[in-house]
């Protein structure tokens, strides 16, 4: 099996030496997505707006690989302030519905561009 780089213009370009996602066999590993718009700028607003933007970015990357949130196996959520967990969790649940992938949530000291949330996913692709 070979690694396949996944890239879409529907999500912000990588801001460093990495890919938006990499597919290995039937598994897709997304890079952490932060709340950047297509212009590469952090979206205005607080944790709600930032979390929705992260999910829009993830949705675009998943779609670029031919998959969606219903095929996500594992999510890792990095947040700046654990006191915002409830708000982030409600938004998270709205994107997954009844699907409940495995998840880790970690409070971190700092995230790129000083954003409030970053999320990375592992998803299945080409599943029949």
Foldseek 3Di string as FASTA:
>chain_A
DDKDAFADLQAAADPDPDGQWIDDVFKIKGDKFWQAHSVRDHDDDAPLNGLVSSQSRVQRRQVSQPHGLLFWAEKEKEFQDVVCVVVSVVVVCVRNPPRDHHYHYYHDNADPVRHGMIMITMGGHPDD
